Amino acid sequence: VVVIRPKDVLESLCQNAGMPYYKVKNRPQKWGLFGLG
C-alpha cells in the first residue's frame, strides 16, 4: 500500500510509473509552529 504527500513532482512520478496510491493533505505553504501542529 502506498500513501503519498504530493510534494513537487511526486504525484506525477507515481502516475507515470503506474503506482496506485492514497493521497493525504499536503503541508500548507505558510505555516508557523501552530499551523504545523
PDB file of all heavy atoms in Angstrom:
ATOM      1  N   VAL A   1       0.865  -1.177   0.000  1.00  0.00           N
ATOM      2  CA  VAL A   1       0.000   0.000   0.000  1.00  0.00           C
ATOM      3  C   VAL A   1       0.905   1.230   0.000  1.00  0.00           C
ATOM      4  O   VAL A   1       1.857   1.305   0.788  1.00  0.00           O
ATOM      5  CB  VAL A   1      -0.907   0.031   1.248  1.00  0.00           C
ATOM      6  CG1 VAL A   1      -1.756   1.292   1.262  1.00  0.00           C
ATOM      7  CG2 VAL A   1      -1.776  -1.219   1.308  1.00  0.00           C
ATOM      8  N   VAL A   2       0.631   2.180  -0.885  1.00  0.00           N
ATOM      9  CA  VAL A   2       1.445   3.399  -0.973  1.00  0.00           C
ATOM     10  C   VAL A   2       0.587   4.604  -0.590  1.00  0.00           C
ATOM     11  O   VAL A   2      -0.528   4.768  -1.090  1.00  0.00           O
ATOM     12  CB  VAL A   2       2.017   3.586  -2.393  1.00  0.00           C
ATOM     13  CG1 VAL A   2       2.744   4.932  -2.506  1.00  0.00           C
ATOM     14  CG2 VAL A   2       2.963   2.440  -2.744  1.00  0.00           C
ATOM     15  N   VAL A   3       1.122   5.433   0.308  1.00  0.00           N
ATOM     16  CA  VAL A   3       0.479   6.682   0.701  1.00  0.00           C
ATOM     17  C   VAL A   3       1.453   7.811   0.382  1.00  0.00           C
ATOM     18  O   VAL A   3       2.644   7.714   0.718  1.00  0.00           O
ATOM     19  CB  VAL A   3       0.154   6.696   2.210  1.00  0.00           C
ATOM     20  CG1 VAL A   3      -0.519   8.013   2.600  1.00  0.00           C
ATOM     21  CG2 VAL A   3      -0.726   5.512   2.583  1.00  0.00           C
ATOM     22  N   ILE A   4       0.984   8.872  -0.267  1.00  0.00           N
ATOM     23  CA  ILE A   4       1.885   9.962  -0.624  1.00  0.00           C
ATOM     24  C   ILE A   4       1.374  11.296  -0.079  1.00  0.00           C
ATOM     25  O   ILE A   4       0.188  11.493   0.130  1.00  0.00           O
ATOM     26  CB  ILE A   4       2.086  10.094  -2.149  1.00  0.00           C
ATOM     27  CG1 ILE A   4       0.798  10.612  -2.830  1.00  0.00           C
ATOM     28  CG2 ILE A   4       2.534   8.779  -2.757  1.00  0.00           C
ATOM     29  CD1 ILE A   4       1.015  11.072  -4.257  1.00  0.00           C
ATOM     30  N   ARG A   5       2.331  12.183   0.181  1.00  0.00           N
ATOM     31  CA  ARG A   5       2.057  13.607   0.371  1.00  0.00           C
ATOM     32  C   ARG A   5       2.594  14.284  -0.879  1.00  0.00           C
ATOM     33  O   ARG A   5       3.793  14.230  -1.142  1.00  0.00           O
ATOM     34  CB  ARG A   5       2.772  14.137   1.619  1.00  0.00           C
ATOM     35  CG  ARG A   5       2.619  15.634   1.817  1.00  0.00           C
ATOM     36  CD  ARG A   5       3.200  16.096   3.153  1.00  0.00           C
ATOM     37  NE  ARG A   5       4.638  15.970   3.230  1.00  0.00           N
ATOM     38  CZ  ARG A   5       5.499  16.893   2.780  1.00  0.00           C
ATOM     39  NH1 ARG A   5       5.057  17.984   2.190  1.00  0.00           N
ATOM     40  NH2 ARG A   5       6.797  16.709   2.935  1.00  0.00           N
ATOM     41  N   PRO A   6       1.751  14.894  -1.711  1.00  0.00           N
ATOM     42  CA  PRO A   6       2.142  15.273  -3.078  1.00  0.00           C
ATOM     43  C   PRO A   6       3.097  16.459  -3.158  1.00  0.00           C
ATOM     44  O   PRO A   6       2.731  17.555  -3.594  1.00  0.00           O
ATOM     45  CB  PRO A   6       0.803  15.600  -3.745  1.00  0.00           C
ATOM     46  CG  PRO A   6      -0.067  16.043  -2.612  1.00  0.00           C
ATOM     47  CD  PRO A   6       0.353  15.222  -1.420  1.00  0.00           C
ATOM     48  N   LYS A   7       4.347  16.266  -2.771  1.00  0.00           N
ATOM     49  CA  LYS A   7       5.367  17.309  -2.844  1.00  0.00           C
ATOM     50  C   LYS A   7       5.984  17.349  -4.237  1.00  0.00           C
ATOM     51  O   LYS A   7       6.341  16.299  -4.795  1.00  0.00           O
ATOM     52  CB  LYS A   7       6.458  17.045  -1.803  1.00  0.00           C
ATOM     53  CG  LYS A   7       7.655  18.005  -1.871  1.00  0.00           C
ATOM     54  CD  LYS A   7       8.700  17.653  -0.820  1.00  0.00           C
ATOM     55  CE  LYS A   7      10.000  18.418  -1.027  1.00  0.00           C
ATOM     56  NZ  LYS A   7       9.841  19.877  -0.945  1.00  0.00           N
ATOM     57  N   ASP A   8       6.114  18.558  -4.796  1.00  0.00           N
ATOM     58  CA  ASP A   8       6.833  18.766  -6.051  1.00  0.00           C
ATOM     59  C   ASP A   8       6.249  17.849  -7.137  1.00  0.00           C
ATOM     60  O   ASP A   8       5.066  17.882  -7.406  1.00  0.00           O
ATOM     61  CB  ASP A   8       8.335  18.548  -5.819  1.00  0.00           C
ATOM     62  CG  ASP A   8       9.203  19.073  -6.943  1.00  0.00           C
ATOM     63  OD1 ASP A   8       8.739  19.929  -7.714  1.00  0.00           O
ATOM     64  OD2 ASP A   8      10.364  18.619  -7.062  1.00  0.00           O
ATOM     65  N   VAL A   9       7.082  16.960  -7.735  1.00  0.00           N
ATOM     66  CA  VAL A   9       6.632  16.107  -8.842  1.00  0.00           C
ATOM     67  C   VAL A   9       6.267  14.704  -8.374  1.00  0.00           C
ATOM     68  O   VAL A   9       6.122  13.792  -9.189  1.00  0.00           O
ATOM     69  CB  VAL A   9       7.724  16.015  -9.932  1.00  0.00           C
ATOM     70  CG1 VAL A   9       7.982  17.376 -10.557  1.00  0.00           C
ATOM     71  CG2 VAL A   9       9.023  15.426  -9.361  1.00  0.00           C
ATOM     72  N   LEU A  10       6.083  14.509  -7.073  1.00  0.00           N
ATOM     73  CA  LEU A  10       5.877  13.160  -6.537  1.00  0.00           C
ATOM     74  C   LEU A  10       4.652  12.475  -7.133  1.00  0.00           C
ATOM     75  O   LEU A  10       4.719  11.312  -7.545  1.00  0.00           O
ATOM     76  CB  LEU A  10       5.759  13.217  -5.016  1.00  0.00           C
ATOM     77  CG  LEU A  10       5.464  11.893  -4.298  1.00  0.00           C
ATOM     78  CD1 LEU A  10       6.459  10.819  -4.682  1.00  0.00           C
ATOM     79  CD2 LEU A  10       5.472  12.102  -2.786  1.00  0.00           C
ATOM     80  N   GLU A  11       3.537  13.178  -7.203  1.00  0.00           N
ATOM     81  CA  GLU A  11       2.329  12.548  -7.739  1.00  0.00           C
ATOM     82  C   GLU A  11       2.511  12.168  -9.203  1.00  0.00           C
ATOM     83  O   GLU A  11       2.079  11.086  -9.636  1.00  0.00           O
ATOM     84  CB  GLU A  11       1.127  13.471  -7.560  1.00  0.00           C
ATOM     85  CG  GLU A  11      -0.190  12.791  -7.853  1.00  0.00           C
ATOM     86  CD  GLU A  11      -1.397  13.581  -7.362  1.00  0.00           C
ATOM     87  OE1 GLU A  11      -1.235  14.764  -6.951  1.00  0.00           O
ATOM     88  OE2 GLU A  11      -2.504  13.018  -7.377  1.00  0.00           O
ATOM     89  N   SER A  12       3.180  13.014  -9.973  1.00  0.00           N
ATOM     90  CA  SER A  12       3.459  12.695 -11.382  1.00  0.00           C
ATOM     91  C   SER A  12       4.333  11.456 -11.506  1.00  0.00           C
ATOM     92  O   SER A  12       4.123  10.621 -12.397  1.00  0.00           O
ATOM     93  CB  SER A  12       4.146  13.880 -12.068  1.00  0.00           C
ATOM     94  OG  SER A  12       3.297  15.003 -12.121  1.00  0.00           O
ATOM     95  N   LEU A  13       5.312  11.327 -10.617  1.00  0.00           N
ATOM     96  CA  LEU A  13       6.175  10.150 -10.644  1.00  0.00           C
ATOM     97  C   LEU A  13       5.360   8.875 -10.428  1.00  0.00           C
ATOM     98  O   LEU A  13       5.546   7.877 -11.139  1.00  0.00           O
ATOM     99  CB  LEU A  13       7.258  10.269  -9.570  1.00  0.00           C
ATOM    100  CG  LEU A  13       8.375  11.268  -9.825  1.00  0.00           C
ATOM    101  CD1 LEU A  13       9.219  11.459  -8.559  1.00  0.00           C
ATOM    102  CD2 LEU A  13       9.274  10.789 -10.966  1.00  0.00           C
ATOM    103  N   CYS A  14       4.463   8.897  -9.447  1.00  0.00           N
ATOM    104  CA  CYS A  14       3.633   7.720  -9.170  1.00  0.00           C
ATOM    105  C   CYS A  14       2.735   7.393 -10.360  1.00  0.00           C
ATOM    106  O   CYS A  14       2.590   6.227 -10.752  1.00  0.00           O
ATOM    107  CB  CYS A  14       2.793   7.944  -7.923  1.00  0.00           C
ATOM    108  SG  CYS A  14       3.734   8.030  -6.395  1.00  0.00           S
ATOM    109  N   GLN A  15       2.142   8.421 -10.944  1.00  0.00           N
ATOM    110  CA  GLN A  15       1.253   8.205 -12.087  1.00  0.00           C
ATOM    111  C   GLN A  15       2.007   7.664 -13.286  1.00  0.00           C
ATOM    112  O   GLN A  15       1.557   6.715 -13.949  1.00  0.00           O
ATOM    113  CB  GLN A  15       0.548   9.524 -12.438  1.00  0.00           C
ATOM    114  CG  GLN A  15      -0.446   9.982 -11.385  1.00  0.00           C
ATOM    115  CD  GLN A  15      -0.952  11.390 -11.618  1.00  0.00           C
ATOM    116  OE1 GLN A  15      -0.403  12.144 -12.428  1.00  0.00           O
ATOM    117  NE2 GLN A  15      -1.999  11.778 -10.891  1.00  0.00           N
ATOM    118  N   ASN A  16       3.177   8.246 -13.568  1.00  0.00           N
ATOM    119  CA  ASN A  16       3.966   7.796 -14.715  1.00  0.00           C
ATOM    120  C   ASN A  16       4.467   6.368 -14.543  1.00  0.00           C
ATOM    121  O   ASN A  16       4.670   5.643 -15.518  1.00  0.00           O
ATOM    122  CB  ASN A  16       5.154   8.731 -14.939  1.00  0.00           C
ATOM    123  CG  ASN A  16       4.739  10.108 -15.415  1.00  0.00           C
ATOM    124  OD1 ASN A  16       3.632  10.291 -15.924  1.00  0.00           O
ATOM    125  ND2 ASN A  16       5.604  11.097 -15.249  1.00  0.00           N
ATOM    126  N   ALA A  17       4.682   5.966 -13.283  1.00  0.00           N
ATOM    127  CA  ALA A  17       5.161   4.615 -13.006  1.00  0.00           C
ATOM    128  C   ALA A  17       4.018   3.609 -12.855  1.00  0.00           C
ATOM    129  O   ALA A  17       4.260   2.423 -12.655  1.00  0.00           O
ATOM    130  CB  ALA A  17       6.010   4.616 -11.738  1.00  0.00           C
ATOM    131  N   GLY A  18       2.768   4.086 -12.957  1.00  0.00           N
ATOM    132  CA  GLY A  18       1.629   3.193 -12.786  1.00  0.00           C
ATOM    133  C   GLY A  18       1.513   2.642 -11.379  1.00  0.00           C
ATOM    134  O   GLY A  18       1.079   1.497 -11.183  1.00  0.00           O
ATOM    135  N   MET A  19       1.885   3.441 -10.384  1.00  0.00           N
ATOM    136  CA  MET A  19       1.869   3.013  -8.980  1.00  0.00           C
ATOM    137  C   MET A  19       0.612   3.561  -8.292  1.00  0.00           C
ATOM    138  O   MET A  19       0.494   4.761  -8.083  1.00  0.00           O
ATOM    139  CB  MET A  19       3.127   3.525  -8.260  1.00  0.00           C
ATOM    140  CG  MET A  19       3.232   3.114  -6.801  1.00  0.00           C
ATOM    141  SD  MET A  19       4.672   3.864  -5.979  1.00  0.00           S
ATOM    142  CE  MET A  19       6.026   2.991  -6.775  1.00  0.00           C
ATOM    143  N   PRO A  20      -0.337   2.700  -7.924  1.00  0.00           N
ATOM    144  CA  PRO A  20      -1.534   3.177  -7.209  1.00  0.00           C
ATOM    145  C   PRO A  20      -1.157   3.761  -5.850  1.00  0.00           C
ATOM    146  O   PRO A  20      -0.193   3.319  -5.220  1.00  0.00           O
ATOM    147  CB  PRO A  20      -2.370   1.901  -7.038  1.00  0.00           C
ATOM    148  CG  PRO A  20      -1.807   0.912  -8.006  1.00  0.00           C
ATOM    149  CD  PRO A  20      -0.355   1.253  -8.144  1.00  0.00           C
ATOM    150  N   TYR A  21      -1.928   4.743  -5.386  1.00  0.00           N
ATOM    151  CA  TYR A  21      -1.573   5.394  -4.125  1.00  0.00           C
ATOM    152  C   TYR A  21      -2.790   6.047  -3.478  1.00  0.00           C
ATOM    153  O   TYR A  21      -3.776   6.373  -4.143  1.00  0.00           O
ATOM    154  CB  TYR A  21      -0.503   6.467  -4.351  1.00  0.00           C
ATOM    155  CG  TYR A  21      -0.902   7.533  -5.342  1.00  0.00           C
ATOM    156  CD1 TYR A  21      -1.590   8.679  -4.948  1.00  0.00           C
ATOM    157  CD2 TYR A  21      -0.582   7.393  -6.702  1.00  0.00           C
ATOM    158  CE1 TYR A  21      -1.957   9.657  -5.863  1.00  0.00           C
ATOM    159  CE2 TYR A  21      -0.949   8.354  -7.624  1.00  0.00           C
ATOM    160  CZ  TYR A  21      -1.634   9.485  -7.208  1.00  0.00           C
ATOM    161  OH  TYR A  21      -2.011  10.447  -8.115  1.00  0.00           O
ATOM    162  N   TYR A  22      -2.708   6.193  -2.171  1.00  0.00           N
ATOM    163  CA  TYR A  22      -3.584   7.088  -1.425  1.00  0.00           C
ATOM    164  C   TYR A  22      -2.871   8.432  -1.322  1.00  0.00           C
ATOM    165  O   TYR A  22      -1.645   8.475  -1.178  1.00  0.00           O
ATOM    166  CB  TYR A  22      -3.821   6.574  -0.005  1.00  0.00           C
ATOM    167  CG  TYR A  22      -4.708   5.355   0.127  1.00  0.00           C
ATOM    168  CD1 TYR A  22      -4.156   4.084   0.225  1.00  0.00           C
ATOM    169  CD2 TYR A  22      -6.093   5.485   0.213  1.00  0.00           C
ATOM    170  CE1 TYR A  22      -4.956   2.957   0.379  1.00  0.00           C
ATOM    171  CE2 TYR A  22      -6.902   4.375   0.375  1.00  0.00           C
ATOM    172  CZ  TYR A  22      -6.332   3.108   0.454  1.00  0.00           C
ATOM    173  OH  TYR A  22      -7.123   2.007   0.617  1.00  0.00           O
ATOM    174  N   LYS A  23      -3.640   9.522  -1.354  1.00  0.00           N
ATOM    175  CA  LYS A  23      -3.037  10.852  -1.223  1.00  0.00           C
ATOM    176  C   LYS A  23      -3.575  11.530   0.025  1.00  0.00           C
ATOM    177  O   LYS A  23      -4.791  11.600   0.224  1.00  0.00           O
ATOM    178  CB  LYS A  23      -3.339  11.696  -2.460  1.00  0.00           C
ATOM    179  CG  LYS A  23      -2.723  13.095  -2.410  1.00  0.00           C
ATOM    180  CD  LYS A  23      -2.786  13.794  -3.762  1.00  0.00           C
ATOM    181  CE  LYS A  23      -4.199  14.105  -4.188  1.00  0.00           C
ATOM    182  NZ  LYS A  23      -4.232  14.956  -5.415  1.00  0.00           N
ATOM    183  N   VAL A  24      -2.660  12.015   0.872  1.00  0.00           N
ATOM    184  CA  VAL A  24      -3.060  12.780   2.049  1.00  0.00           C
ATOM    185  C   VAL A  24      -2.733  14.249   1.824  1.00  0.00           C
ATOM    186  O   VAL A  24      -2.013  14.608   0.892  1.00  0.00           O
ATOM    187  CB  VAL A  24      -2.383  12.261   3.336  1.00  0.00           C
ATOM    188  CG1 VAL A  24      -2.788  10.825   3.610  1.00  0.00           C
ATOM    189  CG2 VAL A  24      -0.858  12.380   3.248  1.00  0.00           C
ATOM    190  N   LYS A  25      -3.245  15.070   2.703  1.00  0.00           N
ATOM    191  CA  LYS A  25      -3.114  16.524   2.571  1.00  0.00           C
ATOM    192  C   LYS A  25      -1.645  16.951   2.525  1.00  0.00           C
ATOM    193  O   LYS A  25      -0.811  16.421   3.255  1.00  0.00           O
ATOM    194  CB  LYS A  25      -3.811  17.204   3.742  1.00  0.00           C
ATOM    195  CG  LYS A  25      -3.860  18.720   3.676  1.00  0.00           C
ATOM    196  CD  LYS A  25      -4.573  19.295   4.886  1.00  0.00           C
ATOM    197  CE  LYS A  25      -6.026  18.851   4.937  1.00  0.00           C
ATOM    198  NZ  LYS A  25      -6.745  19.487   6.068  1.00  0.00           N
ATOM    199  N   ASN A  26      -1.357  17.923   1.662  1.00  0.00           N
ATOM    200  CA  ASN A  26      -0.007  18.475   1.593  1.00  0.00           C
ATOM    201  C   ASN A  26       0.165  19.557   2.653  1.00  0.00           C
ATOM    202  O   ASN A  26      -0.813  20.145   3.127  1.00  0.00           O
ATOM    203  CB  ASN A  26       0.274  19.063   0.214  1.00  0.00           C
ATOM    204  CG  ASN A  26       1.756  19.111  -0.115  1.00  0.00           C
ATOM    205  OD1 ASN A  26       2.588  18.731   0.708  1.00  0.00           O
ATOM    206  ND2 ASN A  26       2.090  19.569  -1.304  1.00  0.00           N
ATOM    207  N   ARG A  27       1.404  19.814   3.023  1.00  0.00           N
ATOM    208  CA  ARG A  27       1.681  20.848   4.018  1.00  0.00           C
ATOM    209  C   ARG A  27       1.347  22.223   3.452  1.00  0.00           C
ATOM    210  O   ARG A  27       1.665  22.515   2.297  1.00  0.00           O
ATOM    211  CB  ARG A  27       3.161  20.794   4.408  1.00  0.00           C
ATOM    212  CG  ARG A  27       3.523  21.712   5.556  1.00  0.00           C
ATOM    213  CD  ARG A  27       4.948  21.453   5.999  1.00  0.00           C
ATOM    214  NE  ARG A  27       5.904  21.717   4.952  1.00  0.00           N
ATOM    215  CZ  ARG A  27       7.119  21.155   4.886  1.00  0.00           C
ATOM    216  NH1 ARG A  27       7.478  20.289   5.795  1.00  0.00           N
ATOM    217  NH2 ARG A  27       7.941  21.449   3.912  1.00  0.00           N
ATOM    218  N   PRO A  28       0.724  23.108   4.221  1.00  0.00           N
ATOM    219  CA  PRO A  28       0.413  24.460   3.726  1.00  0.00           C
ATOM    220  C   PRO A  28       1.686  25.235   3.411  1.00  0.00           C
ATOM    221  O   PRO A  28       2.735  25.014   4.019  1.00  0.00           O
ATOM    222  CB  PRO A  28      -0.356  25.099   4.891  1.00  0.00           C
ATOM    223  CG  PRO A  28       0.005  24.297   6.097  1.00  0.00           C
ATOM    224  CD  PRO A  28       0.284  22.907   5.618  1.00  0.00           C
ATOM    225  N   GLN A  29       1.568  26.150   2.443  1.00  0.00           N
ATOM    226  CA  GLN A  29       2.731  26.936   2.035  1.00  0.00           C
ATOM    227  C   GLN A  29       3.249  27.811   3.169  1.00  0.00           C
ATOM    228  O   GLN A  29       4.454  27.942   3.357  1.00  0.00           O
ATOM    229  CB  GLN A  29       2.368  27.812   0.831  1.00  0.00           C
ATOM    230  CG  GLN A  29       2.147  27.041  -0.450  1.00  0.00           C
ATOM    231  CD  GLN A  29       3.395  26.342  -0.942  1.00  0.00           C
ATOM    232  OE1 GLN A  29       4.476  26.930  -0.973  1.00  0.00           O
ATOM    233  NE2 GLN A  29       3.270  25.084  -1.307  1.00  0.00           N
ATOM    234  N   LYS A  30       2.340  28.404   3.921  1.00  0.00           N
ATOM    235  CA  LYS A  30       2.745  29.235   5.053  1.00  0.00           C
ATOM    236  C   LYS A  30       2.300  28.549   6.337  1.00  0.00           C
ATOM    237  O   LYS A  30       1.116  28.268   6.512  1.00  0.00           O
ATOM    238  CB  LYS A  30       2.104  30.628   4.951  1.00  0.00           C
ATOM    239  CG  LYS A  30       2.611  31.436   3.764  1.00  0.00           C
ATOM    240  CD  LYS A  30       1.986  32.823   3.741  1.00  0.00           C
ATOM    241  CE  LYS A  30       2.507  33.645   2.560  1.00  0.00           C
ATOM    242  NZ  LYS A  30       1.918  35.000   2.523  1.00  0.00           N
ATOM    243  N   TRP A  31       3.269  28.260   7.210  1.00  0.00           N
ATOM    244  CA  TRP A  31       2.927  27.524   8.431  1.00  0.00           C
ATOM    245  C   TRP A  31       3.862  27.931   9.556  1.00  0.00           C
ATOM    246  O   TRP A  31       5.063  27.910   9.424  1.00  0.00           O
ATOM    247  CB  TRP A  31       3.022  26.019   8.195  1.00  0.00           C
ATOM    248  CG  TRP A  31       4.315  25.579   7.577  1.00  0.00           C
ATOM    249  CD1 TRP A  31       4.659  25.624   6.263  1.00  0.00           C
ATOM    250  CD2 TRP A  31       5.452  25.036   8.255  1.00  0.00           C
ATOM    251  NE1 TRP A  31       5.928  25.146   6.059  1.00  0.00           N
ATOM    252  CE2 TRP A  31       6.443  24.779   7.280  1.00  0.00           C
ATOM    253  CE3 TRP A  31       5.729  24.745   9.597  1.00  0.00           C
ATOM    254  CZ2 TRP A  31       7.679  24.243   7.589  1.00  0.00           C
ATOM    255  CZ3 TRP A  31       6.975  24.205   9.902  1.00  0.00           C
ATOM    256  CH2 TRP A  31       7.919  23.962   8.891  1.00  0.00           C
ATOM    257  N   GLY A  32       3.272  28.307  10.652  1.00  0.00           N
ATOM    258  CA  GLY A  32       4.031  28.537  11.865  1.00  0.00           C
ATOM    259  C   GLY A  32       4.008  27.265  12.688  1.00  0.00           C
ATOM    260  O   GLY A  32       3.557  26.211  12.233  1.00  0.00           O
ATOM    261  N   LEU A  33       4.464  27.353  13.918  1.00  0.00           N
ATOM    262  CA  LEU A  33       4.504  26.174  14.783  1.00  0.00           C
ATOM    263  C   LEU A  33       3.097  25.645  15.049  1.00  0.00           C
ATOM    264  O   LEU A  33       2.859  24.433  15.003  1.00  0.00           O
ATOM    265  CB  LEU A  33       5.193  26.529  16.108  1.00  0.00           C
ATOM    266  CG  LEU A  33       5.643  25.344  16.977  1.00  0.00           C
ATOM    267  CD1 LEU A  33       6.581  24.438  16.211  1.00  0.00           C
ATOM    268  CD2 LEU A  33       6.296  25.854  18.264  1.00  0.00           C
ATOM    269  N   PHE A  34       2.136  26.542  15.261  1.00  0.00           N
ATOM    270  CA  PHE A  34       0.764  26.113  15.498  1.00  0.00           C
ATOM    271  C   PHE A  34       0.188  25.450  14.247  1.00  0.00           C
ATOM    272  O   PHE A  34      -0.438  24.381  14.324  1.00  0.00           O
ATOM    273  CB  PHE A  34      -0.102  27.309  15.900  1.00  0.00           C
ATOM    274  CG  PHE A  34      -1.556  26.956  16.077  1.00  0.00           C
ATOM    275  CD1 PHE A  34      -2.001  26.305  17.223  1.00  0.00           C
ATOM    276  CD2 PHE A  34      -2.472  27.271  15.082  1.00  0.00           C
ATOM    277  CE1 PHE A  34      -3.347  25.967  17.376  1.00  0.00           C
ATOM    278  CE2 PHE A  34      -3.813  26.947  15.228  1.00  0.00           C
ATOM    279  CZ  PHE A  34      -4.247  26.290  16.379  1.00  0.00           C
ATOM    280  N   GLY A  35       0.418  26.072  13.093  1.00  0.00           N
ATOM    281  CA  GLY A  35      -0.083  25.505  11.842  1.00  0.00           C
ATOM    282  C   GLY A  35       0.508  24.135  11.564  1.00  0.00           C
ATOM    283  O   GLY A  35      -0.188  23.233  11.075  1.00  0.00           O
ATOM    284  N   LEU A  36       1.790  23.975  11.866  1.00  0.00           N
ATOM    285  CA  LEU A  36       2.429  22.680  11.669  1.00  0.00           C
ATOM    286  C   LEU A  36       1.798  21.623  12.572  1.00  0.00           C
ATOM    287  O   LEU A  36       1.554  20.491  12.158  1.00  0.00           O
ATOM    288  CB  LEU A  36       3.929  22.783  11.960  1.00  0.00           C
ATOM    289  CG  LEU A  36       4.732  21.479  11.859  1.00  0.00           C
ATOM    290  CD1 LEU A  36       4.645  20.895  10.457  1.00  0.00           C
ATOM    291  CD2 LEU A  36       6.196  21.726  12.244  1.00  0.00           C
ATOM    292  N   GLY A  37       1.495  22.016  13.827  1.00  0.00           N
ATOM    293  CA  GLY A  37       0.871  21.088  14.761  1.00  0.00           C
ATOM    294  C   GLY A  37      -0.489  20.617  14.275  1.00  0.00           C
ATOM    295  O   GLY A  37      -0.806  19.421  14.324  1.00  0.00           O
TER     296      GLY A  37
END
